């Protein structure tokens, strides 16, 4: 299923539809994601730019029943209630000994999310996680910071969500360019 979030969004300038169609739903189908499709997402992330070409990001992937069960305690309850249906969960971490590791990891996640949209998948990033639980559960060294979790899969029927979450299951807009682009000086 190709997502058509662009029906709900309007760009101020001509850009690729993949940017408009990428959004973060919560309703996941229980359809598994094929290995070759998942590999294309990580391949896209691999090619993200990074300062000094350090590539400080790492992705810890859970896609088997046992790995997903190990992952669920990392998610805060507000996310677990819907993310437990996702067939793939990913933890984004980065090497904190590298200068711009957070920025670079965010760029890699962005590339992954755009490739997912191109593949007809949905992704939903979650900062509502227990980072200390993640570090222990996945043996993450102190030289790596935990940033967020990502749910990956195919779009499901929003009726599987609570009424409160169903109401939020619509692509959101963005601030206009004149609010985010500053020329010359901040003030």
C-alpha atoms as a PDB file:
ATOM      1  CA  UNK A   1       0.000   0.000   0.000  1.00  0.00           C
ATOM      2  CA  UNK A   2       1.456   3.352  -1.035  1.00  0.00           C
ATOM      3  CA  UNK A   3       0.718   6.023   1.528  1.00  0.00           C
ATOM      4  CA  UNK A   4      -0.838   9.227   0.268  1.00  0.00           C
ATOM      5  CA  UNK A   5      -0.210  11.630   3.141  1.00  0.00           C
ATOM      6  CA  UNK A   6       0.303  14.374   0.565  1.00  0.00           C
ATOM      7  CA  UNK A   7      -3.504  14.646   0.399  1.00  0.00           C
ATOM      8  CA  UNK A   8      -3.257  16.243   3.846  1.00  0.00           C
ATOM      9  CA  UNK A   9      -0.112  18.291   3.210  1.00  0.00           C
ATOM     10  CA  UNK A  10       0.919  21.103   0.898  1.00  0.00           C
ATOM     11  CA  UNK A  11       4.503  22.078   0.172  1.00  0.00           C
ATOM     12  CA  UNK A  12       5.374  25.719  -0.413  1.00  0.00           C
ATOM     13  CA  UNK A  13       7.825  24.668  -3.136  1.00  0.00           C
ATOM     14  CA  UNK A  14       8.092  21.756  -5.560  1.00  0.00           C
ATOM     15  CA  UNK A  15       9.692  18.782  -3.739  1.00  0.00           C
ATOM     16  CA  UNK A  16       9.625  15.012  -4.118  1.00  0.00           C
ATOM     17  CA  UNK A  17       6.390  13.393  -2.956  1.00  0.00           C
ATOM     18  CA  UNK A  18       8.358  11.066  -0.663  1.00  0.00           C
ATOM     19  CA  UNK A  19       8.804  13.990   1.767  1.00  0.00           C
ATOM     20  CA  UNK A  20       5.078  14.679   1.920  1.00  0.00           C
ATOM     21  CA  UNK A  21       4.084  11.007   2.130  1.00  0.00           C
ATOM     22  CA  UNK A  22       6.403  10.259   5.047  1.00  0.00           C
ATOM     23  CA  UNK A  23       4.590  10.500   8.359  1.00  0.00           C
ATOM     24  CA  UNK A  24       4.431   8.644  11.662  1.00  0.00           C
ATOM     25  CA  UNK A  25       1.238   6.602  12.077  1.00  0.00           C
ATOM     26  CA  UNK A  26       0.656   4.287  15.040  1.00  0.00           C
ATOM     27  CA  UNK A  27      -1.542   1.618  13.445  1.00  0.00           C
ATOM     28  CA  UNK A  28       0.663  -1.252  12.279  1.00  0.00           C
ATOM     29  CA  UNK A  29      -0.451  -4.272  10.278  1.00  0.00           C
ATOM     30  CA  UNK A  30       0.931  -7.593  11.483  1.00  0.00           C
ATOM     31  CA  UNK A  31       2.472  -8.190   8.050  1.00  0.00           C
ATOM     32  CA  UNK A  32       6.174  -9.050   8.367  1.00  0.00           C
ATOM     33  CA  UNK A  33       8.764  -6.905   6.610  1.00  0.00           C
ATOM     34  CA  UNK A  34      10.858  -8.928   4.175  1.00  0.00           C
ATOM     35  CA  UNK A  35      14.584  -9.049   4.892  1.00  0.00           C
ATOM     36  CA  UNK A  36      15.551  -7.481   1.546  1.00  0.00           C
ATOM     37  CA  UNK A  37      13.134  -4.589   2.108  1.00  0.00           C
ATOM     38  CA  UNK A  38      14.453  -4.005   5.623  1.00  0.00           C
ATOM     39  CA  UNK A  39      18.022  -4.144   4.340  1.00  0.00           C
ATOM     40  CA  UNK A  40      17.240  -1.361   1.850  1.00  0.00           C
ATOM     41  CA  UNK A  41      16.213   0.885   4.751  1.00  0.00           C
ATOM     42  CA  UNK A  42      19.504   0.327   6.535  1.00  0.00           C
ATOM     43  CA  UNK A  43      21.403   0.671   3.270  1.00  0.00           C
ATOM     44  CA  UNK A  44      19.852   4.112   2.798  1.00  0.00           C
ATOM     45  CA  UNK A  45      20.808   5.051   6.372  1.00  0.00           C
ATOM     46  CA  UNK A  46      24.353   3.830   5.747  1.00  0.00           C
ATOM     47  CA  UNK A  47      24.798   6.502   3.079  1.00  0.00           C
ATOM     48  CA  UNK A  48      23.824   9.424   5.317  1.00  0.00           C
ATOM     49  CA  UNK A  49      26.497  12.105   5.639  1.00  0.00           C
ATOM     50  CA  UNK A  50      28.429  12.403   8.888  1.00  0.00           C
ATOM     51  CA  UNK A  51      31.103  14.728  10.246  1.00  0.00           C
ATOM     52  CA  UNK A  52      34.532  13.412   9.349  1.00  0.00           C
ATOM     53  CA  UNK A  53      32.777  10.404   7.770  1.00  0.00           C
ATOM     54  CA  UNK A  54      32.689   8.892  11.282  1.00  0.00           C
ATOM     55  CA  UNK A  55      29.321   7.170  10.761  1.00  0.00           C
ATOM     56  CA  UNK A  56      28.757   7.017  14.545  1.00  0.00           C
ATOM     57  CA  UNK A  57      25.229   5.550  14.411  1.00  0.00           C
ATOM     58  CA  UNK A  58      24.259   1.968  15.121  1.00  0.00           C
ATOM     59  CA  UNK A  59      20.850   0.311  14.796  1.00  0.00           C
ATOM     60  CA  UNK A  60      19.846  -2.468  17.189  1.00  0.00           C
ATOM     61  CA  UNK A  61      17.083  -4.413  15.433  1.00  0.00           C
ATOM     62  CA  UNK A  62      14.352  -6.578  16.947  1.00  0.00           C
ATOM     63  CA  UNK A  63      12.219  -8.605  14.533  1.00  0.00           C
ATOM     64  CA  UNK A  64      11.914 -12.061  16.079  1.00  0.00           C
ATOM     65  CA  UNK A  65       9.314 -12.784  18.727  1.00  0.00           C
ATOM     66  CA  UNK A  66      11.972 -13.172  21.441  1.00  0.00           C
ATOM     67  CA  UNK A  67      13.873 -10.010  20.433  1.00  0.00           C
ATOM     68  CA  UNK A  68      10.641  -7.996  20.296  1.00  0.00           C
ATOM     69  CA  UNK A  69       9.681  -9.248  23.778  1.00  0.00           C
ATOM     70  CA  UNK A  70      13.113  -8.127  25.020  1.00  0.00           C
ATOM     71  CA  UNK A  71      12.539  -4.723  23.404  1.00  0.00           C
ATOM     72  CA  UNK A  72       9.051  -4.028  24.817  1.00  0.00           C
ATOM     73  CA  UNK A  73      10.225  -3.079  28.372  1.00  0.00           C
ATOM     74  CA  UNK A  74      12.313  -0.298  26.780  1.00  0.00           C
ATOM     75  CA  UNK A  75       9.135   1.457  25.562  1.00  0.00           C
ATOM     76  CA  UNK A  76       7.166   3.729  27.867  1.00  0.00           C
ATOM     77  CA  UNK A  77       3.532   2.654  28.266  1.00  0.00           C
ATOM     78  CA  UNK A  78       2.144   5.368  25.969  1.00  0.00           C
ATOM     79  CA  UNK A  79       4.227   3.950  23.129  1.00  0.00           C
ATOM     80  CA  UNK A  80       4.075   0.277  24.055  1.00  0.00           C
ATOM     81  CA  UNK A  81       0.268   0.235  23.759  1.00  0.00           C
ATOM     82  CA  UNK A  82       0.506   0.631  19.974  1.00  0.00           C
ATOM     83  CA  UNK A  83       4.161  -0.123  19.104  1.00  0.00           C
ATOM     84  CA  UNK A  84       3.906  -3.717  20.348  1.00  0.00           C
ATOM     85  CA  UNK A  85       2.066  -4.492  17.079  1.00  0.00           C
ATOM     86  CA  UNK A  86       4.983  -3.328  14.896  1.00  0.00           C
ATOM     87  CA  UNK A  87       6.843  -6.244  13.291  1.00  0.00           C
ATOM     88  CA  UNK A  88      10.197  -4.450  13.610  1.00  0.00           C
ATOM     89  CA  UNK A  89      11.529  -2.275  16.408  1.00  0.00           C
ATOM     90  CA  UNK A  90      14.872  -0.495  16.186  1.00  0.00           C
ATOM     91  CA  UNK A  91      16.977   1.307  18.754  1.00  0.00           C
ATOM     92  CA  UNK A  92      19.134   4.176  17.459  1.00  0.00           C
ATOM     93  CA  UNK A  93      22.405   4.660  19.324  1.00  0.00           C
ATOM     94  CA  UNK A  94      25.565   6.560  18.501  1.00  0.00           C
ATOM     95  CA  UNK A  95      29.208   6.725  19.536  1.00  0.00           C
ATOM     96  CA  UNK A  96      29.418   9.639  21.981  1.00  0.00           C
ATOM     97  CA  UNK A  97      33.176  10.000  21.443  1.00  0.00           C
ATOM     98  CA  UNK A  98      32.454  11.512  18.024  1.00  0.00           C
ATOM     99  CA  UNK A  99      31.723  15.256  17.935  1.00  0.00           C
ATOM    100  CA  UNK A 100      28.360  15.518  16.221  1.00  0.00           C
ATOM    101  CA  UNK A 101      27.155  11.967  16.847  1.00  0.00           C
ATOM    102  CA  UNK A 102      23.576  12.977  17.744  1.00  0.00           C
ATOM    103  CA  UNK A 103      23.165  15.096  14.624  1.00  0.00           C
ATOM    104  CA  UNK A 104      24.692  12.390  12.432  1.00  0.00           C
ATOM    105  CA  UNK A 105      22.492   9.664  13.948  1.00  0.00           C
ATOM    106  CA  UNK A 106      19.455  11.854  13.314  1.00  0.00           C
ATOM    107  CA  UNK A 107      20.459  12.258   9.692  1.00  0.00           C
ATOM    108  CA  UNK A 108      20.826   8.475   9.304  1.00  0.00           C
ATOM    109  CA  UNK A 109      17.373   7.980  10.855  1.00  0.00           C
ATOM    110  CA  UNK A 110      15.994  10.540   8.392  1.00  0.00           C
ATOM    111  CA  UNK A 111      17.445   8.666   5.427  1.00  0.00           C
ATOM    112  CA  UNK A 112      15.997   5.405   6.801  1.00  0.00           C
ATOM    113  CA  UNK A 113      12.550   6.964   7.200  1.00  0.00           C
ATOM    114  CA  UNK A 114      12.514   8.320   3.646  1.00  0.00           C
ATOM    115  CA  UNK A 115      13.532   4.970   2.171  1.00  0.00           C
ATOM    116  CA  UNK A 116      10.796   3.336   4.260  1.00  0.00           C
ATOM    117  CA  UNK A 117       8.214   5.737   2.822  1.00  0.00           C
ATOM    118  CA  UNK A 118       9.483   4.963  -0.682  1.00  0.00           C
ATOM    119  CA  UNK A 119       9.042   1.236   0.092  1.00  0.00           C
ATOM    120  CA  UNK A 120       5.437   1.752   1.256  1.00  0.00           C
ATOM    121  CA  UNK A 121       6.351   1.222   4.921  1.00  0.00           C
ATOM    122  CA  UNK A 122       5.570   3.392   7.899  1.00  0.00           C
ATOM    123  CA  UNK A 123       7.994   4.404  10.608  1.00  0.00           C
ATOM    124  CA  UNK A 124       7.334   6.018  13.933  1.00  0.00           C
ATOM    125  CA  UNK A 125      10.183   7.402  16.061  1.00  0.00           C
ATOM    126  CA  UNK A 126       9.749   7.300  19.831  1.00  0.00           C
ATOM    127  CA  UNK A 127      11.693   9.324  22.369  1.00  0.00           C
ATOM    128  CA  UNK A 128       9.437   7.913  25.102  1.00  0.00           C
ATOM    129  CA  UNK A 129      11.808   5.109  26.029  1.00  0.00           C
ATOM    130  CA  UNK A 130      13.707   3.966  29.109  1.00  0.00           C
ATOM    131  CA  UNK A 131      17.280   4.556  28.014  1.00  0.00           C
ATOM    132  CA  UNK A 132      18.791   2.901  31.081  1.00  0.00           C
ATOM    133  CA  UNK A 133      16.700  -0.236  30.458  1.00  0.00           C
ATOM    134  CA  UNK A 134      17.822  -0.235  26.812  1.00  0.00           C
ATOM    135  CA  UNK A 135      21.487   0.065  27.772  1.00  0.00           C
ATOM    136  CA  UNK A 136      21.230  -2.917  30.093  1.00  0.00           C
ATOM    137  CA  UNK A 137      18.967  -5.089  27.927  1.00  0.00           C
ATOM    138  CA  UNK A 138      21.118  -4.682  24.822  1.00  0.00           C
ATOM    139  CA  UNK A 139      24.573  -4.432  26.461  1.00  0.00           C
ATOM    140  CA  UNK A 140      25.205  -0.952  25.053  1.00  0.00           C
ATOM    141  CA  UNK A 141      28.637   0.360  26.076  1.00  0.00           C
ATOM    142  CA  UNK A 142      29.032   3.652  27.951  1.00  0.00           C
ATOM    143  CA  UNK A 143      30.649   5.175  24.862  1.00  0.00           C
ATOM    144  CA  UNK A 144      27.271   4.971  23.082  1.00  0.00           C
ATOM    145  CA  UNK A 145      24.206   7.127  23.765  1.00  0.00           C
ATOM    146  CA  UNK A 146      20.667   5.831  23.273  1.00  0.00           C
ATOM    147  CA  UNK A 147      18.552   8.283  21.273  1.00  0.00           C
ATOM    148  CA  UNK A 148      15.224   6.772  20.303  1.00  0.00           C
ATOM    149  CA  UNK A 149      13.304   3.729  19.187  1.00  0.00           C
ATOM    150  CA  UNK A 150      11.679   3.321  15.785  1.00  0.00           C
ATOM    151  CA  UNK A 151       8.659   1.168  14.953  1.00  0.00           C
ATOM    152  CA  UNK A 152       8.746  -0.101  11.359  1.00  0.00           C
ATOM    153  CA  UNK A 153       6.071  -1.941   9.384  1.00  0.00           C
ATOM    154  CA  UNK A 154       3.113  -1.647   7.083  1.00  0.00           C
ATOM    155  CA  UNK A 155       0.151   0.630   7.757  1.00  0.00           C
ATOM    156  CA  UNK A 156      -2.672  -1.059   9.605  1.00  0.00           C
ATOM    157  CA  UNK A 157      -6.291  -0.163  10.203  1.00  0.00           C
ATOM    158  CA  UNK A 158      -6.641   2.740  12.633  1.00  0.00           C
ATOM    159  CA  UNK A 159      -9.662   1.052  14.223  1.00  0.00           C
ATOM    160  CA  UNK A 160      -7.210  -1.184  16.102  1.00  0.00           C
ATOM    161  CA  UNK A 161      -6.169   1.871  18.115  1.00  0.00           C
ATOM    162  CA  UNK A 162      -7.928   3.486  21.070  1.00  0.00           C
ATOM    163  CA  UNK A 163     -10.349   6.304  20.180  1.00  0.00           C
ATOM    164  CA  UNK A 164      -7.796   8.864  21.457  1.00  0.00           C
ATOM    165  CA  UNK A 165      -5.069   7.500  19.186  1.00  0.00           C
ATOM    166  CA  UNK A 166      -7.465   7.140  16.245  1.00  0.00           C
ATOM    167  CA  UNK A 167      -8.111  10.880  16.440  1.00  0.00           C
ATOM    168  CA  UNK A 168      -4.351  11.505  16.048  1.00  0.00           C
ATOM    169  CA  UNK A 169      -3.902   9.091  13.115  1.00  0.00           C
ATOM    170  CA  UNK A 170      -3.649  11.800  10.454  1.00  0.00           C
ATOM    171  CA  UNK A 171      -0.565  13.302   8.799  1.00  0.00           C
ATOM    172  CA  UNK A 172       0.397  16.577  10.443  1.00  0.00           C
ATOM    173  CA  UNK A 173       1.424  19.799   8.766  1.00  0.00           C
ATOM    174  CA  UNK A 174       4.619  21.757   9.280  1.00  0.00           C
ATOM    175  CA  UNK A 175       5.577  25.296  10.232  1.00  0.00           C
ATOM    176  CA  UNK A 176       5.822  27.640   7.243  1.00  0.00           C
ATOM    177  CA  UNK A 177       9.300  28.339   5.863  1.00  0.00           C
ATOM    178  CA  UNK A 178       9.219  31.932   7.099  1.00  0.00           C
ATOM    179  CA  UNK A 179       9.150  30.582  10.673  1.00  0.00           C
ATOM    180  CA  UNK A 180      12.109  28.224  10.303  1.00  0.00           C
ATOM    181  CA  UNK A 181      14.456  29.926   7.836  1.00  0.00           C
ATOM    182  CA  UNK A 182      16.314  32.885   9.325  1.00  0.00           C
ATOM    183  CA  UNK A 183      18.423  35.068   7.108  1.00  0.00           C
ATOM    184  CA  UNK A 184      21.419  36.931   8.485  1.00  0.00           C
ATOM    185  CA  UNK A 185      20.823  36.856  12.241  1.00  0.00           C
ATOM    186  CA  UNK A 186      18.457  35.189  14.689  1.00  0.00           C
ATOM    187  CA  UNK A 187      17.208  38.518  16.024  1.00  0.00           C
END
